[in-house]
Amino acid sequence: MARLELFRFEWDDSALHRLHPLSKLAVLLILSWAALAPAPRFLAFLFALALVLLALVRAKPADLARNARFLLPLYLFVALMRVVAPGSPTWFHADGLLPASVYMARLALVFLFAETFFRSTSTGELADAATRCARTLPGLSASDPGFYLSLTMGFIPRCIEAYERSREAAYARALGLGRSRGRRAPIGSDRGSARGSPDGPATMPPNAPRPAPPSSGARAAPRGAGLRSLFVLESFVAAALRSALRSAAALEARSYNPRRTVAPRPIRRSDILVPLAFAVAAALSLRFL
């Protein structure tokens, strides 16, 4: 089974894990805004801050490098769109590499901050926090938005996992490998001969006609990758529908009620001071943009 490493929660007892999930969400939004701010002068400082936060959640550099592999083809695509301009007199514009690099650096920063958030925040505690916050509002005492939030956040990882399972099952069953004709018979076989000897290679009668050499069209073409992808996609859609039906049946069997009890989690002083400090720092940075 494929193992999902991207944005995976890891249990620990660090200071970030003990912080309230809504406080960490507010910090994530502030840092993401700072990473996408117009002026790139704070990018080096934000990268240093991201490394410090990742060290607090004990993220391994090898895991981060493996999870960030998708940024490389994305950078090549962005750089191609910036550099190549078919409508201009000169198609190649080397000065577009710097803006593309700055743009990808911003996306890499958002990715690092998101990794820190999801490694230190489980989907369950974030969903419970959303439900507790909503129930404090008038008229929403019986609502459960955290439950829908948990389903939404788990949708993409479950889809990726289902697709990986379908693809690995297809590879295990050799789906798409075609059989070819006209290959040379192994030594010692009696293929293409009038008689064969079990003690040695097959011989042909002196006056027997020679078999025609295989033509270029004799070899059967293997099934295309497009057909194999359709088979995998069909299996993936079927598995996704079965998973959705199982989820609905499980909720019905457990008598799910939107008024479910959510464990209380009081907000501490640090849960307020930490996002407030980041908000003040972001407001002060506006003077230097």
C-alpha atoms as a PDB file:
ATOM      1  CA  MET A   1       0.000   0.000   0.000  1.00  0.00           C
ATOM      2  CA  ALA A   2       1.230   3.489  -0.752  1.00  0.00           C
ATOM      3  CA  ARG A   3       2.275   5.502   2.221  1.00  0.00           C
ATOM      4  CA  LEU A   4       1.317   9.139   2.287  1.00  0.00           C
ATOM      5  CA  GLU A   5       4.035  11.371   3.660  1.00  0.00           C
ATOM      6  CA  LEU A   6       2.749  14.768   2.558  1.00  0.00           C
ATOM      7  CA  PHE A   7       1.162  16.828   5.383  1.00  0.00           C
ATOM      8  CA  ARG A   8       1.163  13.848   7.740  1.00  0.00           C
ATOM      9  CA  PHE A   9       0.526  14.389  11.429  1.00  0.00           C
ATOM     10  CA  GLU A  10       3.256  13.143  13.768  1.00  0.00           C
ATOM     11  CA  TRP A  11       2.521  12.801  17.451  1.00  0.00           C
ATOM     12  CA  ASP A  12       4.907  14.589  19.801  1.00  0.00           C
ATOM     13  CA  ASP A  13       4.931  16.719  22.944  1.00  0.00           C
ATOM     14  CA  SER A  14       6.612  19.826  21.548  1.00  0.00           C
ATOM     15  CA  ALA A  15       5.505  23.391  22.192  1.00  0.00           C
ATOM     16  CA  LEU A  16       3.838  23.556  18.778  1.00  0.00           C
ATOM     17  CA  HIS A  17       1.864  20.387  19.427  1.00  0.00           C
ATOM     18  CA  ARG A  18       0.536  21.820  22.696  1.00  0.00           C
ATOM     19  CA  LEU A  19      -0.565  25.059  21.043  1.00  0.00           C
ATOM     20  CA  HIS A  20      -4.267  25.465  20.296  1.00  0.00           C
ATOM     21  CA  PRO A  21      -5.096  24.403  16.699  1.00  0.00           C
ATOM     22  CA  LEU A  22      -6.952  27.652  15.942  1.00  0.00           C
ATOM     23  CA  SER A  23      -3.919  29.634  17.096  1.00  0.00           C
ATOM     24  CA  LYS A  24      -1.685  27.615  14.792  1.00  0.00           C
ATOM     25  CA  LEU A  25      -4.158  28.124  11.958  1.00  0.00           C
ATOM     26  CA  ALA A  26      -4.049  31.905  12.489  1.00  0.00           C
ATOM     27  CA  VAL A  27      -0.232  31.823  12.473  1.00  0.00           C
ATOM     28  CA  LEU A  28      -0.263  29.751   9.281  1.00  0.00           C
ATOM     29  CA  LEU A  29      -2.480  32.309   7.539  1.00  0.00           C
ATOM     30  CA  ILE A  30      -0.268  35.196   8.676  1.00  0.00           C
ATOM     31  CA  LEU A  31       2.949  33.492   7.550  1.00  0.00           C
ATOM     32  CA  SER A  32       1.426  32.475   4.229  1.00  0.00           C
ATOM     33  CA  TRP A  33       0.396  36.081   3.643  1.00  0.00           C
ATOM     34  CA  ALA A  34       3.918  37.226   4.509  1.00  0.00           C
ATOM     35  CA  ALA A  35       5.419  34.678   2.097  1.00  0.00           C
ATOM     36  CA  LEU A  36       3.204  35.976  -0.727  1.00  0.00           C
ATOM     37  CA  ALA A  37       3.751  39.664   0.101  1.00  0.00           C
ATOM     38  CA  PRO A  38       4.900  41.832  -2.835  1.00  0.00           C
ATOM     39  CA  ALA A  39       8.365  42.693  -1.481  1.00  0.00           C
ATOM     40  CA  PRO A  40      10.795  39.712  -1.459  1.00  0.00           C
ATOM     41  CA  ARG A  41      13.184  41.277   1.089  1.00  0.00           C
ATOM     42  CA  PHE A  42      11.859  39.159   3.972  1.00  0.00           C
ATOM     43  CA  LEU A  43      12.098  35.809   2.172  1.00  0.00           C
ATOM     44  CA  ALA A  44      15.449  34.903   3.746  1.00  0.00           C
ATOM     45  CA  PHE A  45      14.111  35.661   7.230  1.00  0.00           C
ATOM     46  CA  LEU A  46      10.963  33.627   6.548  1.00  0.00           C
ATOM     47  CA  PHE A  47      13.044  30.683   5.333  1.00  0.00           C
ATOM     48  CA  ALA A  48      15.054  30.794   8.568  1.00  0.00           C
ATOM     49  CA  LEU A  49      11.828  30.934  10.578  1.00  0.00           C
ATOM     50  CA  ALA A  50      10.417  27.981   8.633  1.00  0.00           C
ATOM     51  CA  LEU A  51      13.534  25.919   9.384  1.00  0.00           C
ATOM     52  CA  VAL A  52      13.235  26.735  13.088  1.00  0.00           C
ATOM     53  CA  LEU A  53       9.573  25.692  13.160  1.00  0.00           C
ATOM     54  CA  LEU A  54      10.353  22.483  11.301  1.00  0.00           C
ATOM     55  CA  ALA A  55      13.104  21.728  13.791  1.00  0.00           C
ATOM     56  CA  LEU A  56      10.590  22.126  16.615  1.00  0.00           C
ATOM     57  CA  VAL A  57       8.362  19.427  15.085  1.00  0.00           C
ATOM     58  CA  ARG A  58      11.457  17.269  14.371  1.00  0.00           C
ATOM     59  CA  ALA A  59      10.932  17.092  10.628  1.00  0.00           C
ATOM     60  CA  LYS A  60      13.658  15.161   8.814  1.00  0.00           C
ATOM     61  CA  PRO A  61      15.324  16.862   5.823  1.00  0.00           C
ATOM     62  CA  ALA A  62      15.057  13.672   3.763  1.00  0.00           C
ATOM     63  CA  ASP A  63      11.287  13.554   4.310  1.00  0.00           C
ATOM     64  CA  LEU A  64      10.922  17.212   3.385  1.00  0.00           C
ATOM     65  CA  ALA A  65      12.965  16.760   0.216  1.00  0.00           C
ATOM     66  CA  ARG A  66      10.859  13.770  -0.779  1.00  0.00           C
ATOM     67  CA  ASN A  67       7.594  15.603  -0.117  1.00  0.00           C
ATOM     68  CA  ALA A  68       8.730  18.703  -2.013  1.00  0.00           C
ATOM     69  CA  ARG A  69       9.542  16.851  -5.234  1.00  0.00           C
ATOM     70  CA  PHE A  70       6.412  18.227  -6.891  1.00  0.00           C
ATOM     71  CA  LEU A  71       7.899  21.736  -6.733  1.00  0.00           C
ATOM     72  CA  LEU A  72      10.587  20.919  -9.327  1.00  0.00           C
ATOM     73  CA  PRO A  73       8.291  20.205 -12.305  1.00  0.00           C
ATOM     74  CA  LEU A  74       6.113  23.104 -11.201  1.00  0.00           C
ATOM     75  CA  TYR A  75       9.146  25.399 -11.255  1.00  0.00           C
ATOM     76  CA  LEU A  76      10.133  24.177 -14.730  1.00  0.00           C
ATOM     77  CA  PHE A  77       6.627  24.906 -15.985  1.00  0.00           C
ATOM     78  CA  VAL A  78       6.544  28.391 -14.444  1.00  0.00           C
ATOM     79  CA  ALA A  79      10.024  29.175 -15.780  1.00  0.00           C
ATOM     80  CA  LEU A  80       8.998  28.009 -19.251  1.00  0.00           C
ATOM     81  CA  MET A  81       5.960  30.263 -19.207  1.00  0.00           C
ATOM     82  CA  ARG A  82       8.118  33.205 -18.086  1.00  0.00           C
ATOM     83  CA  VAL A  83      11.006  32.656 -20.467  1.00  0.00           C
ATOM     84  CA  VAL A  84       9.305  31.564 -23.686  1.00  0.00           C
ATOM     85  CA  ALA A  85       7.077  34.158 -25.357  1.00  0.00           C
ATOM     86  CA  PRO A  86       6.074  33.064 -28.895  1.00  0.00           C
ATOM     87  CA  GLY A  87       4.280  36.327 -29.655  1.00  0.00           C
ATOM     88  CA  SER A  88       7.344  38.536 -29.120  1.00  0.00           C
ATOM     89  CA  PRO A  89      10.139  39.202 -31.655  1.00  0.00           C
ATOM     90  CA  THR A  90      12.548  37.143 -29.544  1.00  0.00           C
ATOM     91  CA  TRP A  91      11.085  33.979 -28.133  1.00  0.00           C
ATOM     92  CA  PHE A  92      13.576  33.553 -25.299  1.00  0.00           C
ATOM     93  CA  HIS A  93      13.640  36.039 -22.404  1.00  0.00           C
ATOM     94  CA  ALA A  94      16.294  35.156 -19.827  1.00  0.00           C
ATOM     95  CA  ASP A  95      15.186  37.962 -17.526  1.00  0.00           C
ATOM     96  CA  GLY A  96      12.066  35.971 -16.700  1.00  0.00           C
ATOM     97  CA  LEU A  97      14.051  33.382 -14.721  1.00  0.00           C
ATOM     98  CA  LEU A  98      14.438  35.634 -11.676  1.00  0.00           C
ATOM     99  CA  PRO A  99      10.693  36.353 -11.230  1.00  0.00           C
ATOM    100  CA  ALA A 100       9.958  32.649 -11.711  1.00  0.00           C
ATOM    101  CA  SER A 101      12.524  31.737  -9.058  1.00  0.00           C
ATOM    102  CA  VAL A 102      11.098  34.276  -6.599  1.00  0.00           C
ATOM    103  CA  TYR A 103       7.592  32.969  -7.233  1.00  0.00           C
ATOM    104  CA  MET A 104       8.662  29.379  -6.575  1.00  0.00           C
ATOM    105  CA  ALA A 105      10.499  30.469  -3.431  1.00  0.00           C
ATOM    106  CA  ARG A 106       7.213  31.900  -2.143  1.00  0.00           C
ATOM    107  CA  LEU A 107       5.390  28.652  -2.904  1.00  0.00           C
ATOM    108  CA  ALA A 108       8.148  26.673  -1.199  1.00  0.00           C
ATOM    109  CA  LEU A 109       7.738  28.835   1.902  1.00  0.00           C
ATOM    110  CA  VAL A 110       3.987  28.220   1.986  1.00  0.00           C
ATOM    111  CA  PHE A 111       4.683  24.504   1.616  1.00  0.00           C
ATOM    112  CA  LEU A 112       7.134  24.524   4.556  1.00  0.00           C
ATOM    113  CA  PHE A 113       4.718  26.421   6.795  1.00  0.00           C
ATOM    114  CA  ALA A 114       1.900  24.036   5.838  1.00  0.00           C
ATOM    115  CA  GLU A 115       4.151  21.066   6.621  1.00  0.00           C
ATOM    116  CA  THR A 116       4.822  22.525  10.068  1.00  0.00           C
ATOM    117  CA  PHE A 117       1.126  23.086  10.697  1.00  0.00           C
ATOM    118  CA  PHE A 118      -0.091  19.644   9.651  1.00  0.00           C
ATOM    119  CA  ARG A 119       2.782  17.807  11.341  1.00  0.00           C
ATOM    120  CA  SER A 120       1.812  19.411  14.651  1.00  0.00           C
ATOM    121  CA  THR A 121      -1.992  19.493  14.211  1.00  0.00           C
ATOM    122  CA  SER A 122      -4.192  16.465  13.730  1.00  0.00           C
ATOM    123  CA  THR A 123      -7.357  16.594  11.681  1.00  0.00           C
ATOM    124  CA  GLY A 124      -9.402  15.508  14.687  1.00  0.00           C
ATOM    125  CA  GLU A 125      -8.331  18.280  17.026  1.00  0.00           C
ATOM    126  CA  LEU A 126      -8.739  20.892  14.287  1.00  0.00           C
ATOM    127  CA  ALA A 127     -12.247  19.605  13.558  1.00  0.00           C
ATOM    128  CA  ASP A 128     -13.170  19.635  17.252  1.00  0.00           C
ATOM    129  CA  ALA A 129     -11.856  23.179  17.576  1.00  0.00           C
ATOM    130  CA  ALA A 130     -13.984  24.315  14.628  1.00  0.00           C
ATOM    131  CA  THR A 131     -17.077  22.714  16.173  1.00  0.00           C
ATOM    132  CA  ARG A 132     -16.432  24.299  19.572  1.00  0.00           C
ATOM    133  CA  CYS A 133     -15.925  27.690  17.954  1.00  0.00           C
ATOM    134  CA  ALA A 134     -19.135  27.403  15.914  1.00  0.00           C
ATOM    135  CA  ARG A 135     -21.240  26.336  18.895  1.00  0.00           C
ATOM    136  CA  THR A 136     -20.352  29.520  20.729  1.00  0.00           C
ATOM    137  CA  LEU A 137     -22.238  31.516  18.079  1.00  0.00           C
ATOM    138  CA  PRO A 138     -25.980  32.103  18.490  1.00  0.00           C
ATOM    139  CA  GLY A 139     -28.166  29.668  16.590  1.00  0.00           C
ATOM    140  CA  LEU A 140     -25.356  27.164  15.934  1.00  0.00           C
ATOM    141  CA  SER A 141     -25.383  25.267  19.203  1.00  0.00           C
ATOM    142  CA  ALA A 142     -26.472  22.060  17.443  1.00  0.00           C
ATOM    143  CA  SER A 143     -24.140  22.333  14.430  1.00  0.00           C
ATOM    144  CA  ASP A 144     -21.048  20.264  13.741  1.00  0.00           C
ATOM    145  CA  PRO A 145     -18.921  21.997  11.083  1.00  0.00           C
ATOM    146  CA  GLY A 146     -15.799  20.239  12.323  1.00  0.00           C
ATOM    147  CA  PHE A 147     -17.134  16.923  11.104  1.00  0.00           C
ATOM    148  CA  TYR A 148     -17.500  18.247   7.543  1.00  0.00           C
ATOM    149  CA  LEU A 149     -14.109  19.898   7.847  1.00  0.00           C
ATOM    150  CA  SER A 150     -12.506  16.573   8.732  1.00  0.00           C
ATOM    151  CA  LEU A 151     -14.198  14.895   5.758  1.00  0.00           C
ATOM    152  CA  THR A 152     -12.998  17.671   3.452  1.00  0.00           C
ATOM    153  CA  MET A 153      -9.411  17.611   4.706  1.00  0.00           C
ATOM    154  CA  GLY A 154      -9.249  13.835   4.422  1.00  0.00           C
ATOM    155  CA  PHE A 155     -10.768  13.703   0.944  1.00  0.00           C
ATOM    156  CA  ILE A 156      -7.629  14.405  -1.093  1.00  0.00           C
ATOM    157  CA  PRO A 157      -5.311  12.069   0.884  1.00  0.00           C
ATOM    158  CA  ARG A 158      -7.881   9.288   0.653  1.00  0.00           C
ATOM    159  CA  CYS A 159      -8.215   9.838  -3.106  1.00  0.00           C
ATOM    160  CA  ILE A 160      -4.449   9.714  -3.569  1.00  0.00           C
ATOM    161  CA  GLU A 161      -4.209   6.564  -1.469  1.00  0.00           C
ATOM    162  CA  ALA A 162      -7.047   4.885  -3.402  1.00  0.00           C
ATOM    163  CA  TYR A 163      -5.407   5.745  -6.725  1.00  0.00           C
ATOM    164  CA  GLU A 164      -2.044   4.403  -5.551  1.00  0.00           C
ATOM    165  CA  ARG A 165      -3.680   1.165  -4.422  1.00  0.00           C
ATOM    166  CA  SER A 166      -5.396   0.781  -7.798  1.00  0.00           C
ATOM    167  CA  ARG A 167      -2.180   1.470  -9.697  1.00  0.00           C
ATOM    168  CA  GLU A 168      -0.104  -0.932  -7.584  1.00  0.00           C
ATOM    169  CA  ALA A 169      -2.748  -3.631  -8.017  1.00  0.00           C
ATOM    170  CA  ALA A 170      -2.643  -3.089 -11.788  1.00  0.00           C
ATOM    171  CA  TYR A 171       1.150  -3.380 -11.852  1.00  0.00           C
ATOM    172  CA  ALA A 172       1.035  -6.512  -9.673  1.00  0.00           C
ATOM    173  CA  ARG A 173      -1.314  -8.118 -12.218  1.00  0.00           C
ATOM    174  CA  ALA A 174       0.878  -7.019 -15.172  1.00  0.00           C
ATOM    175  CA  LEU A 175      -1.917  -4.929 -16.647  1.00  0.00           C
ATOM    176  CA  GLY A 176      -1.007  -3.571 -20.075  1.00  0.00           C
ATOM    177  CA  LEU A 177       1.834  -5.981 -20.875  1.00  0.00           C
ATOM    178  CA  GLY A 178       1.158  -7.286 -24.385  1.00  0.00           C
ATOM    179  CA  ARG A 179       2.281 -10.633 -25.822  1.00  0.00           C
ATOM    180  CA  SER A 180       4.303 -10.577 -29.019  1.00  0.00           C
ATOM    181  CA  ARG A 181       4.502 -13.024 -31.903  1.00  0.00           C
ATOM    182  CA  GLY A 182       7.358 -13.993 -34.143  1.00  0.00           C
ATOM    183  CA  ARG A 183       9.992 -14.288 -31.418  1.00  0.00           C
ATOM    184  CA  ARG A 184      12.778 -16.759 -31.849  1.00  0.00           C
ATOM    185  CA  ALA A 185      12.039 -20.135 -30.294  1.00  0.00           C
ATOM    186  CA  PRO A 186      14.281 -21.136 -27.399  1.00  0.00           C
ATOM    187  CA  ILE A 187      17.065 -23.571 -28.107  1.00  0.00           C
ATOM    188  CA  GLY A 188      15.902 -27.144 -27.705  1.00  0.00           C
ATOM    189  CA  SER A 189      12.264 -26.540 -28.580  1.00  0.00           C
ATOM    190  CA  ASP A 190      10.513 -28.105 -31.553  1.00  0.00           C
ATOM    191  CA  ARG A 191       8.770 -24.943 -32.672  1.00  0.00           C
ATOM    192  CA  GLY A 192       8.754 -24.526 -36.445  1.00  0.00           C
ATOM    193  CA  SER A 193      10.272 -27.981 -37.169  1.00  0.00           C
ATOM    194  CA  ALA A 194       8.967 -31.265 -38.468  1.00  0.00           C
ATOM    195  CA  ARG A 195      10.621 -33.240 -35.734  1.00  0.00           C
ATOM    196  CA  GLY A 196      12.526 -32.343 -32.592  1.00  0.00           C
ATOM    197  CA  SER A 197      14.984 -34.219 -30.502  1.00  0.00           C
ATOM    198  CA  PRO A 198      14.705 -34.048 -26.724  1.00  0.00           C
ATOM    199  CA  ASP A 199      18.498 -34.360 -26.513  1.00  0.00           C
ATOM    200  CA  GLY A 200      19.425 -31.447 -28.750  1.00  0.00           C
ATOM    201  CA  PRO A 201      18.182 -28.594 -30.908  1.00  0.00           C
ATOM    202  CA  ALA A 202      15.453 -29.216 -33.452  1.00  0.00           C
ATOM    203  CA  THR A 203      16.462 -30.095 -37.036  1.00  0.00           C
ATOM    204  CA  MET A 204      14.709 -29.387 -40.325  1.00  0.00           C
ATOM    205  CA  PRO A 205      14.268 -31.887 -43.154  1.00  0.00           C
ATOM    206  CA  PRO A 206      16.598 -31.154 -46.099  1.00  0.00           C
ATOM    207  CA  ASN A 207      13.775 -30.391 -48.577  1.00  0.00           C
ATOM    208  CA  ALA A 208      11.429 -28.664 -46.118  1.00  0.00           C
ATOM    209  CA  PRO A 209      10.564 -25.041 -46.906  1.00  0.00           C
ATOM    210  CA  ARG A 210      12.203 -22.490 -44.718  1.00  0.00           C
ATOM    211  CA  PRO A 211       9.831 -20.458 -42.515  1.00  0.00           C
ATOM    212  CA  ALA A 212       9.424 -16.889 -43.611  1.00  0.00           C
ATOM    213  CA  PRO A 213      11.131 -14.312 -41.402  1.00  0.00           C
ATOM    214  CA  PRO A 214       8.752 -12.390 -39.183  1.00  0.00           C
ATOM    215  CA  SER A 215       7.529  -9.217 -40.777  1.00  0.00           C
ATOM    216  CA  SER A 216       7.465  -5.858 -39.089  1.00  0.00           C
ATOM    217  CA  GLY A 217       3.756  -6.234 -38.456  1.00  0.00           C
ATOM    218  CA  ALA A 218       3.995  -9.731 -37.003  1.00  0.00           C
ATOM    219  CA  ARG A 219       4.894  -8.435 -33.560  1.00  0.00           C
ATOM    220  CA  ALA A 220       1.779  -7.485 -31.653  1.00  0.00           C
ATOM    221  CA  ALA A 221       1.883  -4.011 -30.204  1.00  0.00           C
ATOM    222  CA  PRO A 222       1.493  -3.907 -26.435  1.00  0.00           C
ATOM    223  CA  ARG A 223      -1.479  -2.199 -24.988  1.00  0.00           C
ATOM    224  CA  GLY A 224      -1.051   1.515 -24.801  1.00  0.00           C
ATOM    225  CA  ALA A 225      -0.504   3.471 -21.662  1.00  0.00           C
ATOM    226  CA  GLY A 226      -3.770   5.306 -22.263  1.00  0.00           C
ATOM    227  CA  LEU A 227      -5.808   2.100 -22.091  1.00  0.00           C
ATOM    228  CA  ARG A 228      -3.966   1.034 -18.951  1.00  0.00           C
ATOM    229  CA  SER A 229      -4.702   4.414 -17.369  1.00  0.00           C
ATOM    230  CA  LEU A 230      -8.400   3.991 -18.164  1.00  0.00           C
ATOM    231  CA  PHE A 231      -8.461   0.636 -16.397  1.00  0.00           C
ATOM    232  CA  VAL A 232      -6.726   2.122 -13.358  1.00  0.00           C
ATOM    233  CA  LEU A 233      -9.105   5.117 -13.376  1.00  0.00           C
ATOM    234  CA  GLU A 234     -12.129   2.810 -13.531  1.00  0.00           C
ATOM    235  CA  SER A 235     -10.863   0.844 -10.540  1.00  0.00           C
ATOM    236  CA  PHE A 236     -10.098   4.073  -8.677  1.00  0.00           C
ATOM    237  CA  VAL A 237     -13.594   5.500  -9.226  1.00  0.00           C
ATOM    238  CA  ALA A 238     -15.193   2.246  -8.117  1.00  0.00           C
ATOM    239  CA  ALA A 239     -13.025   2.131  -4.981  1.00  0.00           C
ATOM    240  CA  ALA A 240     -13.859   5.776  -4.191  1.00  0.00           C
ATOM    241  CA  LEU A 241     -17.599   5.109  -4.507  1.00  0.00           C
ATOM    242  CA  ARG A 242     -17.342   2.033  -2.278  1.00  0.00           C
ATOM    243  CA  SER A 243     -15.408   4.047   0.300  1.00  0.00           C
ATOM    244  CA  ALA A 244     -18.061   6.789   0.302  1.00  0.00           C
ATOM    245  CA  LEU A 245     -20.841   4.238   0.759  1.00  0.00           C
ATOM    246  CA  ARG A 246     -18.922   2.556   3.580  1.00  0.00           C
ATOM    247  CA  SER A 247     -18.455   5.916   5.305  1.00  0.00           C
ATOM    248  CA  ALA A 248     -22.176   6.656   5.107  1.00  0.00           C
ATOM    249  CA  ALA A 249     -23.029   3.172   6.397  1.00  0.00           C
ATOM    250  CA  ALA A 250     -20.528   3.529   9.240  1.00  0.00           C
ATOM    251  CA  LEU A 251     -22.059   6.860  10.307  1.00  0.00           C
ATOM    252  CA  GLU A 252     -25.533   5.339  10.241  1.00  0.00           C
ATOM    253  CA  ALA A 253     -24.407   2.293  12.208  1.00  0.00           C
ATOM    254  CA  ARG A 254     -22.824   4.497  14.865  1.00  0.00           C
ATOM    255  CA  SER A 255     -25.946   6.707  15.071  1.00  0.00           C
ATOM    256  CA  TYR A 256     -24.077   9.909  14.226  1.00  0.00           C
ATOM    257  CA  ASN A 257     -25.690  12.989  15.709  1.00  0.00           C
ATOM    258  CA  PRO A 258     -24.625  16.603  14.939  1.00  0.00           C
ATOM    259  CA  ARG A 259     -25.087  17.282  18.651  1.00  0.00           C
ATOM    260  CA  ARG A 260     -22.212  14.957  19.469  1.00  0.00           C
ATOM    261  CA  THR A 261     -20.125  15.729  22.509  1.00  0.00           C
ATOM    262  CA  VAL A 262     -16.803  17.431  21.866  1.00  0.00           C
ATOM    263  CA  ALA A 263     -14.126  17.370  24.508  1.00  0.00           C
ATOM    264  CA  PRO A 264     -13.502  20.878  25.886  1.00  0.00           C
ATOM    265  CA  ARG A 265     -10.121  22.482  25.377  1.00  0.00           C
ATOM    266  CA  PRO A 266      -9.605  25.787  27.182  1.00  0.00           C
ATOM    267  CA  ILE A 267      -7.616  28.534  25.489  1.00  0.00           C
ATOM    268  CA  ARG A 268      -4.464  29.364  27.381  1.00  0.00           C
ATOM    269  CA  ARG A 269      -2.624  32.661  27.488  1.00  0.00           C
ATOM    270  CA  SER A 270       0.031  31.444  25.056  1.00  0.00           C
ATOM    271  CA  ASP A 271      -2.694  30.497  22.561  1.00  0.00           C
ATOM    272  CA  ILE A 272      -3.587  34.187  22.340  1.00  0.00           C
ATOM    273  CA  LEU A 273      -0.143  35.751  22.656  1.00  0.00           C
ATOM    274  CA  VAL A 274       1.537  33.717  19.909  1.00  0.00           C
ATOM    275  CA  PRO A 275      -0.794  34.645  17.017  1.00  0.00           C
ATOM    276  CA  LEU A 276      -1.025  38.194  18.385  1.00  0.00           C
ATOM    277  CA  ALA A 277       2.763  38.531  18.236  1.00  0.00           C
ATOM    278  CA  PHE A 278       2.833  37.293  14.644  1.00  0.00           C
ATOM    279  CA  ALA A 279       0.029  39.675  13.717  1.00  0.00           C
ATOM    280  CA  VAL A 280       1.896  42.638  15.234  1.00  0.00           C
ATOM    281  CA  ALA A 281       5.080  41.637  13.395  1.00  0.00           C
ATOM    282  CA  ALA A 282       3.153  41.415  10.125  1.00  0.00           C
ATOM    283  CA  ALA A 283       1.585  44.828  10.716  1.00  0.00           C
ATOM    284  CA  LEU A 284       4.974  46.365  11.439  1.00  0.00           C
ATOM    285  CA  SER A 285       6.427  44.836   8.279  1.00  0.00           C
ATOM    286  CA  LEU A 286       3.867  46.734   6.195  1.00  0.00           C
ATOM    287  CA  ARG A 287       5.874  49.906   6.798  1.00  0.00           C
ATOM    288  CA  PHE A 288       8.872  48.365   5.006  1.00  0.00           C
ATOM    289  CA  LEU A 289       7.029  46.928   1.995  1.00  0.00           C
END
